[in-house]
Amino acid sequence: MTDTIVLPGPSALGEEGLEPGLKLVEAIDEMRHRLKAVILAHYYQEGPIQDLADFVGDSLDLSRRAASTQAEVIVFAGVRFMAEVAKILSPDRLVLLPDAEAGCSLETACPAEDLAAYRVLHPDHLVVSYINCSAEVKALSDVIVTSSNAEHILRALPADKPILFAPDRNLGAYLARKIGRELTLWPGACEVHDSYSLASLARLKKEHPGAPLAAHPECPRIILEQADHVGSTRSLLEFATKSPAAEIIVATEPHILHQMARLAPDKRLIPLVGRDGDPGGPVCPYMAKNTLAKLYLCMLNQAPRVEMPADLIARARLSLERMLQMSPK
């Protein structure tokens, strides 16, 4: 799980060695300037990390930032595949990840060796992979997509070519219905979005009559069919700010509510409950591994950092560059 990650050495400072009373936000800011670093954070990070980041965004926004940054160091407050993307698009930069174990259930669902075997058996298929996958899977893919640009890119692909969409079956099925094209779907799912049930939605709808549902397309079909708006994290944010509704039910990782509340302070934002019954909504266990302390320590120790062979970077870069070229401006 950590093949592309270089871990801190034995002499590196750990959380237990932090000075008591250390003001982490100030220490991170000082370290950021010392390293000439940029801090990128996904909407699913905890609020304090979002607040100190130089840029907060969804996967497409963050990919573009990683490709264009002039910073000497990229600190990626997200998960491993996001930090890998930053390294692939900016190979001459030092790329740091606060926690080496910040993975992704979708990445795990699609091992590169299994995808390679599929390609051998189906050489006529185009492989379109959701960005939530490993660098090795990106290297085996024809084009990468995010939830922001997937529909646009799929519509642009040759109509006579069969397509394998990996690794998210829920997103792939949603896109197939929307564009009216048959896709072969890899059997993966996000453990957060796949945890939503119709029963939990019905309960919230009863408690908040008239509240629209804004859902991420990684959700199961039974949820998406009830949604008033389906879109990427950035699209969900835009819906929350523009909707006239006083209350909005949100079906995605609940840390996005931090940005929603900032942009739409007059709205009541209600996270959809998952199978665990937590009224705060199901939290991504991988995104949650990152903390302010780990963010500071990765900058101090300059590790965990992302490193990968030049040939892997070159192969994976092709599918990412196609994504950036084919994305709507």
C-alpha atoms as a PDB file:
ATOM      1  CA  MET A   1       0.000   0.000   0.000  1.00  0.00           C
ATOM      2  CA  THR A   2       2.954   2.367   0.428  1.00  0.00           C
ATOM      3  CA  ASP A   3       5.208   1.435  -2.544  1.00  0.00           C
ATOM      4  CA  THR A   4       5.386   5.041  -3.755  1.00  0.00           C
ATOM      5  CA  ILE A   5       5.837   6.487  -0.270  1.00  0.00           C
ATOM      6  CA  VAL A   6       9.185   7.095   1.404  1.00  0.00           C
ATOM      7  CA  LEU A   7       8.653   6.945   5.153  1.00  0.00           C
ATOM      8  CA  PRO A   8      10.400   9.142   7.753  1.00  0.00           C
ATOM      9  CA  GLY A   9      13.706   7.803   9.005  1.00  0.00           C
ATOM     10  CA  PRO A  10      14.279   6.455  12.520  1.00  0.00           C
ATOM     11  CA  SER A  11      15.561   9.804  13.773  1.00  0.00           C
ATOM     12  CA  ALA A  12      12.513  11.734  12.539  1.00  0.00           C
ATOM     13  CA  LEU A  13      10.432  13.605  15.079  1.00  0.00           C
ATOM     14  CA  GLY A  14       7.076  11.972  15.858  1.00  0.00           C
ATOM     15  CA  GLU A  15       3.912  13.318  17.426  1.00  0.00           C
ATOM     16  CA  GLU A  16       5.119  12.258  20.860  1.00  0.00           C
ATOM     17  CA  GLY A  17       8.156  14.519  20.434  1.00  0.00           C
ATOM     18  CA  LEU A  18       6.219  17.690  19.729  1.00  0.00           C
ATOM     19  CA  GLU A  19       6.808  20.482  22.185  1.00  0.00           C
ATOM     20  CA  PRO A  20       3.850  20.822  24.581  1.00  0.00           C
ATOM     21  CA  GLY A  21       1.821  23.892  23.769  1.00  0.00           C
ATOM     22  CA  LEU A  22       3.216  24.177  20.235  1.00  0.00           C
ATOM     23  CA  LYS A  23       0.955  26.450  18.193  1.00  0.00           C
ATOM     24  CA  LEU A  24       0.569  24.206  15.174  1.00  0.00           C
ATOM     25  CA  VAL A  25      -1.047  26.669  12.802  1.00  0.00           C
ATOM     26  CA  GLU A  26       1.727  29.209  13.384  1.00  0.00           C
ATOM     27  CA  ALA A  27       4.395  26.494  13.140  1.00  0.00           C
ATOM     28  CA  ILE A  28       2.927  25.199   9.860  1.00  0.00           C
ATOM     29  CA  ASP A  29       2.801  28.707   8.427  1.00  0.00           C
ATOM     30  CA  GLU A  30       6.431  29.326   9.369  1.00  0.00           C
ATOM     31  CA  MET A  31       7.480  25.990   7.853  1.00  0.00           C
ATOM     32  CA  ARG A  32       5.482  26.699   4.679  1.00  0.00           C
ATOM     33  CA  HIS A  33       7.417  29.918   4.104  1.00  0.00           C
ATOM     34  CA  ARG A  34      10.752  28.332   4.980  1.00  0.00           C
ATOM     35  CA  LEU A  35      10.255  25.504   2.466  1.00  0.00           C
ATOM     36  CA  LYS A  36       8.564  27.697  -0.175  1.00  0.00           C
ATOM     37  CA  ALA A  37       5.745  25.197  -0.026  1.00  0.00           C
ATOM     38  CA  VAL A  38       2.142  25.183  -1.189  1.00  0.00           C
ATOM     39  CA  ILE A  39      -0.466  23.312   0.851  1.00  0.00           C
ATOM     40  CA  LEU A  40      -3.261  21.716  -1.180  1.00  0.00           C
ATOM     41  CA  ALA A  41      -6.279  20.321   0.662  1.00  0.00           C
ATOM     42  CA  HIS A  42      -9.303  18.357  -0.462  1.00  0.00           C
ATOM     43  CA  TYR A  43     -12.803  19.317   0.659  1.00  0.00           C
ATOM     44  CA  TYR A  44     -12.906  16.117   2.743  1.00  0.00           C
ATOM     45  CA  GLN A  45     -10.144  17.269   5.084  1.00  0.00           C
ATOM     46  CA  GLU A  46     -10.995  18.465   8.585  1.00  0.00           C
ATOM     47  CA  GLY A  47     -11.923  22.125   8.911  1.00  0.00           C
ATOM     48  CA  PRO A  48      -8.674  23.437  10.470  1.00  0.00           C
ATOM     49  CA  ILE A  49      -6.636  21.931   7.619  1.00  0.00           C
ATOM     50  CA  GLN A  50      -8.933  23.475   5.008  1.00  0.00           C
ATOM     51  CA  ASP A  51      -8.615  26.835   6.747  1.00  0.00           C
ATOM     52  CA  LEU A  52      -4.822  26.995   6.548  1.00  0.00           C
ATOM     53  CA  ALA A  53      -4.441  25.506   3.048  1.00  0.00           C
ATOM     54  CA  ASP A  54      -3.312  27.703   0.171  1.00  0.00           C
ATOM     55  CA  PHE A  55      -5.946  26.047  -1.998  1.00  0.00           C
ATOM     56  CA  VAL A  56      -8.954  23.839  -1.252  1.00  0.00           C
ATOM     57  CA  GLY A  57     -10.662  21.987  -4.076  1.00  0.00           C
ATOM     58  CA  ASP A  58     -11.951  18.814  -5.683  1.00  0.00           C
ATOM     59  CA  SER A  59      -9.802  16.305  -7.571  1.00  0.00           C
ATOM     60  CA  LEU A  60      -9.853  18.191 -10.877  1.00  0.00           C
ATOM     61  CA  ASP A  61      -9.072  21.562  -9.257  1.00  0.00           C
ATOM     62  CA  LEU A  62      -6.236  20.033  -7.261  1.00  0.00           C
ATOM     63  CA  SER A  63      -4.793  18.259 -10.317  1.00  0.00           C
ATOM     64  CA  ARG A  64      -4.653  21.545 -12.181  1.00  0.00           C
ATOM     65  CA  ARG A  65      -2.976  23.243  -9.230  1.00  0.00           C
ATOM     66  CA  ALA A  66      -0.425  20.432  -8.957  1.00  0.00           C
ATOM     67  CA  ALA A  67       0.387  20.788 -12.659  1.00  0.00           C
ATOM     68  CA  SER A  68       0.810  24.571 -12.550  1.00  0.00           C
ATOM     69  CA  THR A  69       2.410  25.288  -9.175  1.00  0.00           C
ATOM     70  CA  GLN A  70       5.727  27.108  -8.982  1.00  0.00           C
ATOM     71  CA  ALA A  71       6.239  26.120  -5.348  1.00  0.00           C
ATOM     72  CA  GLU A  72       9.320  24.077  -4.514  1.00  0.00           C
ATOM     73  CA  VAL A  73       7.368  21.756  -2.199  1.00  0.00           C
ATOM     74  CA  ILE A  74       3.803  20.443  -2.527  1.00  0.00           C
ATOM     75  CA  VAL A  75       2.166  19.364   0.728  1.00  0.00           C
ATOM     76  CA  PHE A  76      -0.930  17.368  -0.146  1.00  0.00           C
ATOM     77  CA  ALA A  77      -3.527  17.201   2.599  1.00  0.00           C
ATOM     78  CA  GLY A  78      -5.568  14.427   1.059  1.00  0.00           C
ATOM     79  CA  VAL A  79      -4.964  10.780   0.282  1.00  0.00           C
ATOM     80  CA  ARG A  80      -2.178   8.873  -1.414  1.00  0.00           C
ATOM     81  CA  PHE A  81      -3.503   8.822  -4.980  1.00  0.00           C
ATOM     82  CA  MET A  82      -3.842  12.624  -4.863  1.00  0.00           C
ATOM     83  CA  ALA A  83      -0.233  13.055  -3.756  1.00  0.00           C
ATOM     84  CA  GLU A  84       0.833  10.636  -6.500  1.00  0.00           C
ATOM     85  CA  VAL A  85      -0.974  12.789  -9.073  1.00  0.00           C
ATOM     86  CA  ALA A  86       0.921  15.823  -7.815  1.00  0.00           C
ATOM     87  CA  LYS A  87       4.239  13.995  -8.206  1.00  0.00           C
ATOM     88  CA  ILE A  88       3.340  12.712 -11.678  1.00  0.00           C
ATOM     89  CA  LEU A  89       2.385  16.194 -12.884  1.00  0.00           C
ATOM     90  CA  SER A  90       5.217  17.986 -11.063  1.00  0.00           C
ATOM     91  CA  PRO A  91       8.009  15.383 -10.924  1.00  0.00           C
ATOM     92  CA  ASP A  92      10.689  17.929 -10.040  1.00  0.00           C
ATOM     93  CA  ARG A  93       8.860  19.006  -6.868  1.00  0.00           C
ATOM     94  CA  LEU A  94       9.129  17.484  -3.423  1.00  0.00           C
ATOM     95  CA  VAL A  95       5.654  16.074  -2.673  1.00  0.00           C
ATOM     96  CA  LEU A  96       4.724  15.408   0.952  1.00  0.00           C
ATOM     97  CA  LEU A  97       1.756  13.520   2.420  1.00  0.00           C
ATOM     98  CA  PRO A  98       0.930  13.897   6.137  1.00  0.00           C
ATOM     99  CA  ASP A  99       0.066  10.208   6.659  1.00  0.00           C
ATOM    100  CA  ALA A 100       1.492   7.379   4.544  1.00  0.00           C
ATOM    101  CA  GLU A 101      -1.526   5.178   5.270  1.00  0.00           C
ATOM    102  CA  ALA A 102      -4.066   7.652   3.880  1.00  0.00           C
ATOM    103  CA  GLY A 103      -5.323   5.350   1.129  1.00  0.00           C
ATOM    104  CA  CYS A 104      -8.673   4.912  -0.618  1.00  0.00           C
ATOM    105  CA  SER A 105     -11.152   2.049  -0.817  1.00  0.00           C
ATOM    106  CA  LEU A 106     -11.577   2.652  -4.562  1.00  0.00           C
ATOM    107  CA  GLU A 107      -7.828   2.455  -5.124  1.00  0.00           C
ATOM    108  CA  THR A 108      -7.708  -0.829  -3.212  1.00  0.00           C
ATOM    109  CA  ALA A 109     -10.619  -2.220  -5.257  1.00  0.00           C
ATOM    110  CA  CYS A 110      -8.609  -2.103  -8.490  1.00  0.00           C
ATOM    111  CA  PRO A 111      -5.184  -3.769  -8.210  1.00  0.00           C
ATOM    112  CA  ALA A 112      -2.951  -2.946 -11.173  1.00  0.00           C
ATOM    113  CA  GLU A 113      -2.217  -6.611 -11.898  1.00  0.00           C
ATOM    114  CA  ASP A 114      -5.930  -7.342 -12.246  1.00  0.00           C
ATOM    115  CA  LEU A 115      -6.454  -4.426 -14.612  1.00  0.00           C
ATOM    116  CA  ALA A 116      -3.415  -5.517 -16.651  1.00  0.00           C
ATOM    117  CA  ALA A 117      -4.944  -8.989 -16.992  1.00  0.00           C
ATOM    118  CA  TYR A 118      -8.240  -7.462 -18.140  1.00  0.00           C
ATOM    119  CA  ARG A 119      -6.446  -5.432 -20.804  1.00  0.00           C
ATOM    120  CA  VAL A 120      -4.801  -8.578 -22.168  1.00  0.00           C
ATOM    121  CA  LEU A 121      -8.205 -10.285 -22.485  1.00  0.00           C
ATOM    122  CA  HIS A 122      -9.950  -7.181 -23.898  1.00  0.00           C
ATOM    123  CA  PRO A 123      -7.394  -5.381 -26.105  1.00  0.00           C
ATOM    124  CA  ASP A 124     -10.162  -3.561 -28.007  1.00  0.00           C
ATOM    125  CA  HIS A 125     -11.446  -1.721 -24.899  1.00  0.00           C
ATOM    126  CA  LEU A 126     -10.610   1.827 -23.947  1.00  0.00           C
ATOM    127  CA  VAL A 127      -9.834   1.987 -20.233  1.00  0.00           C
ATOM    128  CA  VAL A 128     -11.289   5.063 -18.557  1.00  0.00           C
ATOM    129  CA  SER A 129     -10.231   5.220 -14.913  1.00  0.00           C
ATOM    130  CA  TYR A 130     -11.589   7.433 -12.188  1.00  0.00           C
ATOM    131  CA  ILE A 131      -8.792   9.442 -10.601  1.00  0.00           C
ATOM    132  CA  ASN A 132      -9.274   7.505  -7.326  1.00  0.00           C
ATOM    133  CA  CYS A 133      -6.770   4.836  -8.368  1.00  0.00           C
ATOM    134  CA  SER A 134      -3.069   4.074  -8.037  1.00  0.00           C
ATOM    135  CA  ALA A 135      -0.296   5.429 -10.246  1.00  0.00           C
ATOM    136  CA  GLU A 136       0.125   1.928 -11.662  1.00  0.00           C
ATOM    137  CA  VAL A 137      -3.542   1.838 -12.726  1.00  0.00           C
ATOM    138  CA  LYS A 138      -3.206   5.294 -14.275  1.00  0.00           C
ATOM    139  CA  ALA A 139      -0.267   3.952 -16.283  1.00  0.00           C
ATOM    140  CA  LEU A 140      -2.545   1.205 -17.657  1.00  0.00           C
ATOM    141  CA  SER A 141      -5.397   3.585 -18.486  1.00  0.00           C
ATOM    142  CA  ASP A 142      -6.162   5.452 -21.699  1.00  0.00           C
ATOM    143  CA  VAL A 143      -7.592   8.469 -19.915  1.00  0.00           C
ATOM    144  CA  ILE A 144      -8.303   9.517 -16.325  1.00  0.00           C
ATOM    145  CA  VAL A 145     -11.499  11.288 -15.296  1.00  0.00           C
ATOM    146  CA  THR A 146     -12.872  13.006 -12.219  1.00  0.00           C
ATOM    147  CA  SER A 147     -16.495  13.398 -11.223  1.00  0.00           C
ATOM    148  CA  SER A 148     -16.281  16.966 -12.596  1.00  0.00           C
ATOM    149  CA  ASN A 149     -15.205  16.073 -16.126  1.00  0.00           C
ATOM    150  CA  ALA A 150     -16.165  12.408 -16.641  1.00  0.00           C
ATOM    151  CA  GLU A 151     -19.361  13.060 -18.597  1.00  0.00           C
ATOM    152  CA  HIS A 152     -17.645  15.535 -20.915  1.00  0.00           C
ATOM    153  CA  ILE A 153     -14.723  13.186 -21.605  1.00  0.00           C
ATOM    154  CA  LEU A 154     -16.863  10.085 -22.130  1.00  0.00           C
ATOM    155  CA  ARG A 155     -19.024  11.908 -24.665  1.00  0.00           C
ATOM    156  CA  ALA A 156     -15.860  12.823 -26.596  1.00  0.00           C
ATOM    157  CA  LEU A 157     -14.583   9.239 -26.916  1.00  0.00           C
ATOM    158  CA  PRO A 158     -15.172   7.243 -30.149  1.00  0.00           C
ATOM    159  CA  ALA A 159     -18.696   5.782 -30.192  1.00  0.00           C
ATOM    160  CA  ASP A 160     -17.521   2.519 -31.779  1.00  0.00           C
ATOM    161  CA  LYS A 161     -15.037   1.641 -29.022  1.00  0.00           C
ATOM    162  CA  PRO A 162     -16.081  -0.451 -26.001  1.00  0.00           C
ATOM    163  CA  ILE A 163     -15.164   1.169 -22.686  1.00  0.00           C
ATOM    164  CA  LEU A 164     -14.156  -0.256 -19.341  1.00  0.00           C
ATOM    165  CA  PHE A 165     -14.878   2.222 -16.571  1.00  0.00           C
ATOM    166  CA  ALA A 166     -12.850   1.602 -13.413  1.00  0.00           C
ATOM    167  CA  PRO A 167     -12.930   1.387 -10.459  1.00  0.00           C
ATOM    168  CA  ASP A 168     -16.227   2.976  -9.249  1.00  0.00           C
ATOM    169  CA  ARG A 169     -19.304   1.025 -10.335  1.00  0.00           C
ATOM    170  CA  ASN A 170     -21.709   3.617  -8.900  1.00  0.00           C
ATOM    171  CA  LEU A 171     -20.177   6.559 -10.740  1.00  0.00           C
ATOM    172  CA  GLY A 172     -19.806   4.469 -13.895  1.00  0.00           C
ATOM    173  CA  ALA A 173     -23.440   3.332 -13.814  1.00  0.00           C
ATOM    174  CA  TYR A 174     -24.615   6.912 -13.274  1.00  0.00           C
ATOM    175  CA  LEU A 175     -22.578   8.118 -16.250  1.00  0.00           C
ATOM    176  CA  ALA A 176     -23.795   5.262 -18.459  1.00  0.00           C
ATOM    177  CA  ARG A 177     -27.401   6.226 -17.729  1.00  0.00           C
ATOM    178  CA  LYS A 178     -26.718   9.902 -18.302  1.00  0.00           C
ATOM    179  CA  ILE A 179     -24.931   9.621 -21.646  1.00  0.00           C
ATOM    180  CA  GLY A 180     -26.909   6.614 -22.895  1.00  0.00           C
ATOM    181  CA  ARG A 181     -23.853   4.451 -23.540  1.00  0.00           C
ATOM    182  CA  GLU A 182     -23.048   0.973 -22.352  1.00  0.00           C
ATOM    183  CA  LEU A 183     -19.982   0.804 -20.131  1.00  0.00           C
ATOM    184  CA  THR A 184     -18.309  -2.245 -18.640  1.00  0.00           C
ATOM    185  CA  LEU A 185     -18.013  -1.448 -14.931  1.00  0.00           C
ATOM    186  CA  TRP A 186     -15.249  -2.481 -12.559  1.00  0.00           C
ATOM    187  CA  PRO A 187     -16.790  -3.757  -9.297  1.00  0.00           C
ATOM    188  CA  GLY A 188     -15.421  -1.125  -6.899  1.00  0.00           C
ATOM    189  CA  ALA A 189     -17.172   1.383  -4.658  1.00  0.00           C
ATOM    190  CA  CYS A 190     -16.328   4.155  -2.190  1.00  0.00           C
ATOM    191  CA  GLU A 191     -16.988   2.852   1.307  1.00  0.00           C
ATOM    192  CA  VAL A 192     -18.372   6.238   2.390  1.00  0.00           C
ATOM    193  CA  HIS A 193     -20.804   6.856  -0.461  1.00  0.00           C
ATOM    194  CA  ASP A 194     -21.802   3.213  -0.760  1.00  0.00           C
ATOM    195  CA  SER A 195     -22.930   3.233   2.887  1.00  0.00           C
ATOM    196  CA  TYR A 196     -25.993   5.405   2.276  1.00  0.00           C
ATOM    197  CA  SER A 197     -29.399   3.707   2.386  1.00  0.00           C
ATOM    198  CA  LEU A 198     -32.886   4.606   1.237  1.00  0.00           C
ATOM    199  CA  ALA A 199     -34.158   4.113   4.797  1.00  0.00           C
ATOM    200  CA  SER A 200     -31.802   6.790   6.206  1.00  0.00           C
ATOM    201  CA  LEU A 201     -32.769   9.168   3.416  1.00  0.00           C
ATOM    202  CA  ALA A 202     -36.490   8.583   3.960  1.00  0.00           C
ATOM    203  CA  ARG A 203     -36.076   9.333   7.661  1.00  0.00           C
ATOM    204  CA  LEU A 204     -34.333  12.647   6.963  1.00  0.00           C
ATOM    205  CA  LYS A 205     -36.873  13.572   4.291  1.00  0.00           C
ATOM    206  CA  LYS A 206     -39.647  13.045   6.836  1.00  0.00           C
ATOM    207  CA  GLU A 207     -37.846  15.178   9.431  1.00  0.00           C
ATOM    208  CA  HIS A 208     -37.018  17.908   6.892  1.00  0.00           C
ATOM    209  CA  PRO A 209     -39.864  18.021   4.357  1.00  0.00           C
ATOM    210  CA  GLY A 210     -39.016  20.033   1.302  1.00  0.00           C
ATOM    211  CA  ALA A 211     -35.238  19.885   1.839  1.00  0.00           C
ATOM    212  CA  PRO A 212     -33.547  19.043  -1.491  1.00  0.00           C
ATOM    213  CA  LEU A 213     -30.969  16.273  -1.689  1.00  0.00           C
ATOM    214  CA  ALA A 214     -27.531  17.083  -3.142  1.00  0.00           C
ATOM    215  CA  ALA A 215     -25.614  13.872  -3.845  1.00  0.00           C
ATOM    216  CA  HIS A 216     -22.204  12.892  -5.147  1.00  0.00           C
ATOM    217  CA  PRO A 217     -22.355  10.441  -8.103  1.00  0.00           C
ATOM    218  CA  GLU A 218     -20.340   7.864  -6.140  1.00  0.00           C
ATOM    219  CA  CYS A 219     -23.604   7.165  -4.265  1.00  0.00           C
ATOM    220  CA  PRO A 220     -25.720   4.099  -5.115  1.00  0.00           C
ATOM    221  CA  ARG A 221     -28.442   4.449  -7.734  1.00  0.00           C
ATOM    222  CA  ILE A 222     -31.235   4.263  -5.144  1.00  0.00           C
ATOM    223  CA  ILE A 223     -29.878   7.472  -3.609  1.00  0.00           C
ATOM    224  CA  LEU A 224     -29.131   9.257  -6.876  1.00  0.00           C
ATOM    225  CA  GLU A 225     -32.662   8.641  -8.151  1.00  0.00           C
ATOM    226  CA  GLN A 226     -33.962  10.638  -5.175  1.00  0.00           C
ATOM    227  CA  ALA A 227     -31.498  13.493  -5.612  1.00  0.00           C
ATOM    228  CA  ASP A 228     -32.409  17.009  -6.659  1.00  0.00           C
ATOM    229  CA  HIS A 229     -28.823  17.654  -7.696  1.00  0.00           C
ATOM    230  CA  VAL A 230     -26.012  15.218  -8.541  1.00  0.00           C
ATOM    231  CA  GLY A 231     -22.470  16.465  -8.984  1.00  0.00           C
ATOM    232  CA  SER A 232     -18.840  16.630  -7.941  1.00  0.00           C
ATOM    233  CA  THR A 233     -17.837  18.187  -4.648  1.00  0.00           C
ATOM    234  CA  ARG A 234     -17.354  21.548  -6.359  1.00  0.00           C
ATOM    235  CA  SER A 235     -20.764  21.208  -8.002  1.00  0.00           C
ATOM    236  CA  LEU A 236     -22.378  20.369  -4.664  1.00  0.00           C
ATOM    237  CA  LEU A 237     -20.837  23.510  -3.182  1.00  0.00           C
ATOM    238  CA  GLU A 238     -22.257  25.628  -5.993  1.00  0.00           C
ATOM    239  CA  PHE A 239     -25.689  24.060  -5.497  1.00  0.00           C
ATOM    240  CA  ALA A 240     -25.611  24.842  -1.781  1.00  0.00           C
ATOM    241  CA  THR A 241     -24.802  28.491  -2.423  1.00  0.00           C
ATOM    242  CA  LYS A 242     -27.365  28.996  -5.209  1.00  0.00           C
ATOM    243  CA  SER A 243     -30.321  26.925  -4.000  1.00  0.00           C
ATOM    244  CA  PRO A 244     -33.151  28.977  -2.482  1.00  0.00           C
ATOM    245  CA  ALA A 245     -33.842  26.162  -0.013  1.00  0.00           C
ATOM    246  CA  ALA A 246     -33.288  26.928   3.667  1.00  0.00           C
ATOM    247  CA  GLU A 247     -32.298  23.301   4.371  1.00  0.00           C
ATOM    248  CA  ILE A 248     -30.242  20.953   2.188  1.00  0.00           C
ATOM    249  CA  ILE A 249     -29.537  17.254   2.715  1.00  0.00           C
ATOM    250  CA  VAL A 250     -25.991  16.421   1.596  1.00  0.00           C
ATOM    251  CA  ALA A 251     -24.909  12.939   0.502  1.00  0.00           C
ATOM    252  CA  THR A 252     -21.136  13.027   0.459  1.00  0.00           C
ATOM    253  CA  GLU A 253     -18.271  13.009   2.978  1.00  0.00           C
ATOM    254  CA  PRO A 254     -19.412  15.442   5.685  1.00  0.00           C
ATOM    255  CA  HIS A 255     -16.243  17.534   5.899  1.00  0.00           C
ATOM    256  CA  ILE A 256     -17.462  19.354   2.792  1.00  0.00           C
ATOM    257  CA  LEU A 257     -20.027  20.986   5.074  1.00  0.00           C
ATOM    258  CA  HIS A 258     -17.202  23.152   6.420  1.00  0.00           C
ATOM    259  CA  GLN A 259     -16.878  24.918   3.073  1.00  0.00           C
ATOM    260  CA  MET A 260     -20.620  24.875   2.479  1.00  0.00           C
ATOM    261  CA  ALA A 261     -21.269  26.588   5.806  1.00  0.00           C
ATOM    262  CA  ARG A 262     -18.654  29.207   5.005  1.00  0.00           C
ATOM    263  CA  LEU A 263     -20.138  29.952   1.575  1.00  0.00           C
ATOM    264  CA  ALA A 264     -23.794  29.560   2.540  1.00  0.00           C
ATOM    265  CA  PRO A 265     -23.997  30.550   6.236  1.00  0.00           C
ATOM    266  CA  ASP A 266     -27.756  31.073   6.021  1.00  0.00           C
ATOM    267  CA  LYS A 267     -28.446  27.436   5.061  1.00  0.00           C
ATOM    268  CA  ARG A 268     -29.043  24.476   7.346  1.00  0.00           C
ATOM    269  CA  LEU A 269     -26.858  21.677   6.002  1.00  0.00           C
ATOM    270  CA  ILE A 270     -27.868  18.139   6.944  1.00  0.00           C
ATOM    271  CA  PRO A 271     -25.464  15.229   6.317  1.00  0.00           C
ATOM    272  CA  LEU A 272     -27.040  11.995   5.113  1.00  0.00           C
ATOM    273  CA  VAL A 273     -26.538   9.220   7.645  1.00  0.00           C
ATOM    274  CA  GLY A 274     -24.677   6.032   6.690  1.00  0.00           C
ATOM    275  CA  ARG A 275     -25.016   2.449   7.900  1.00  0.00           C
ATOM    276  CA  ASP A 276     -23.151   3.229  11.113  1.00  0.00           C
ATOM    277  CA  GLY A 277     -25.977   5.550  12.153  1.00  0.00           C
ATOM    278  CA  ASP A 278     -23.673   8.468  13.032  1.00  0.00           C
ATOM    279  CA  PRO A 279     -25.863  11.573  12.704  1.00  0.00           C
ATOM    280  CA  GLY A 280     -22.816  13.505  11.537  1.00  0.00           C
ATOM    281  CA  GLY A 281     -22.551  11.331   8.446  1.00  0.00           C
ATOM    282  CA  PRO A 282     -19.960   8.688   7.475  1.00  0.00           C
ATOM    283  CA  VAL A 283     -16.417  10.092   7.635  1.00  0.00           C
ATOM    284  CA  CYS A 284     -13.737   8.841   5.243  1.00  0.00           C
ATOM    285  CA  PRO A 285     -11.316   6.938   7.524  1.00  0.00           C
ATOM    286  CA  TYR A 286      -8.414   7.650   5.161  1.00  0.00           C
ATOM    287  CA  MET A 287      -8.911  11.404   4.871  1.00  0.00           C
ATOM    288  CA  ALA A 288      -9.291  11.474   8.661  1.00  0.00           C
ATOM    289  CA  LYS A 289      -5.761  10.143   9.146  1.00  0.00           C
ATOM    290  CA  ASN A 290      -4.350  13.582   8.355  1.00  0.00           C
ATOM    291  CA  THR A 291      -4.080  15.981  11.296  1.00  0.00           C
ATOM    292  CA  LEU A 292      -2.484  19.361  11.897  1.00  0.00           C
ATOM    293  CA  ALA A 293       0.312  17.653  13.843  1.00  0.00           C
ATOM    294  CA  LYS A 294       1.067  15.254  10.978  1.00  0.00           C
ATOM    295  CA  LEU A 295       0.922  18.103   8.493  1.00  0.00           C
ATOM    296  CA  TYR A 296       3.572  19.968  10.476  1.00  0.00           C
ATOM    297  CA  LEU A 297       5.711  16.876  10.985  1.00  0.00           C
ATOM    298  CA  CYS A 298       5.754  15.890   7.321  1.00  0.00           C
ATOM    299  CA  MET A 299       7.107  19.345   6.501  1.00  0.00           C
ATOM    300  CA  LEU A 300       9.626  19.218   9.333  1.00  0.00           C
ATOM    301  CA  ASN A 301      10.834  15.696   8.441  1.00  0.00           C
ATOM    302  CA  GLN A 302      10.267  16.119   4.679  1.00  0.00           C
ATOM    303  CA  ALA A 303       8.579  12.730   4.821  1.00  0.00           C
ATOM    304  CA  PRO A 304       6.386  10.827   4.157  1.00  0.00           C
ATOM    305  CA  ARG A 305       7.134  11.855   0.599  1.00  0.00           C
ATOM    306  CA  VAL A 306       6.096  10.474  -2.764  1.00  0.00           C
ATOM    307  CA  GLU A 307       8.753   8.959  -4.994  1.00  0.00           C
ATOM    308  CA  MET A 308       8.289   6.704  -8.009  1.00  0.00           C
ATOM    309  CA  PRO A 309      10.373   5.459 -10.941  1.00  0.00           C
ATOM    310  CA  ALA A 310      10.709   7.803 -13.902  1.00  0.00           C
ATOM    311  CA  ASP A 311       9.168   5.259 -16.273  1.00  0.00           C
ATOM    312  CA  LEU A 312       6.053   4.946 -14.088  1.00  0.00           C
ATOM    313  CA  ILE A 313       5.717   8.728 -13.931  1.00  0.00           C
ATOM    314  CA  ALA A 314       6.006   8.933 -17.729  1.00  0.00           C
ATOM    315  CA  ARG A 315       3.406   6.205 -18.346  1.00  0.00           C
ATOM    316  CA  ALA A 316       0.931   7.504 -15.772  1.00  0.00           C
ATOM    317  CA  ARG A 317       1.362  11.079 -16.960  1.00  0.00           C
ATOM    318  CA  LEU A 318      -0.046  10.262 -20.410  1.00  0.00           C
ATOM    319  CA  SER A 319      -3.539   9.435 -19.132  1.00  0.00           C
ATOM    320  CA  LEU A 320      -3.554  12.449 -16.794  1.00  0.00           C
ATOM    321  CA  GLU A 321      -2.438  14.830 -19.538  1.00  0.00           C
ATOM    322  CA  ARG A 322      -5.216  13.489 -21.778  1.00  0.00           C
ATOM    323  CA  MET A 323      -7.661  14.262 -18.975  1.00  0.00           C
ATOM    324  CA  LEU A 324      -6.402  17.821 -18.629  1.00  0.00           C
ATOM    325  CA  GLN A 325      -6.454  18.332 -22.402  1.00  0.00           C
ATOM    326  CA  MET A 326      -9.981  16.935 -22.783  1.00  0.00           C
ATOM    327  CA  SER A 327     -11.502  18.660 -19.752  1.00  0.00           C
ATOM    328  CA  PRO A 328     -13.813  21.631 -20.295  1.00  0.00           C
ATOM    329  CA  LYS A 329     -12.002  24.869 -19.582  1.00  0.00           C
END
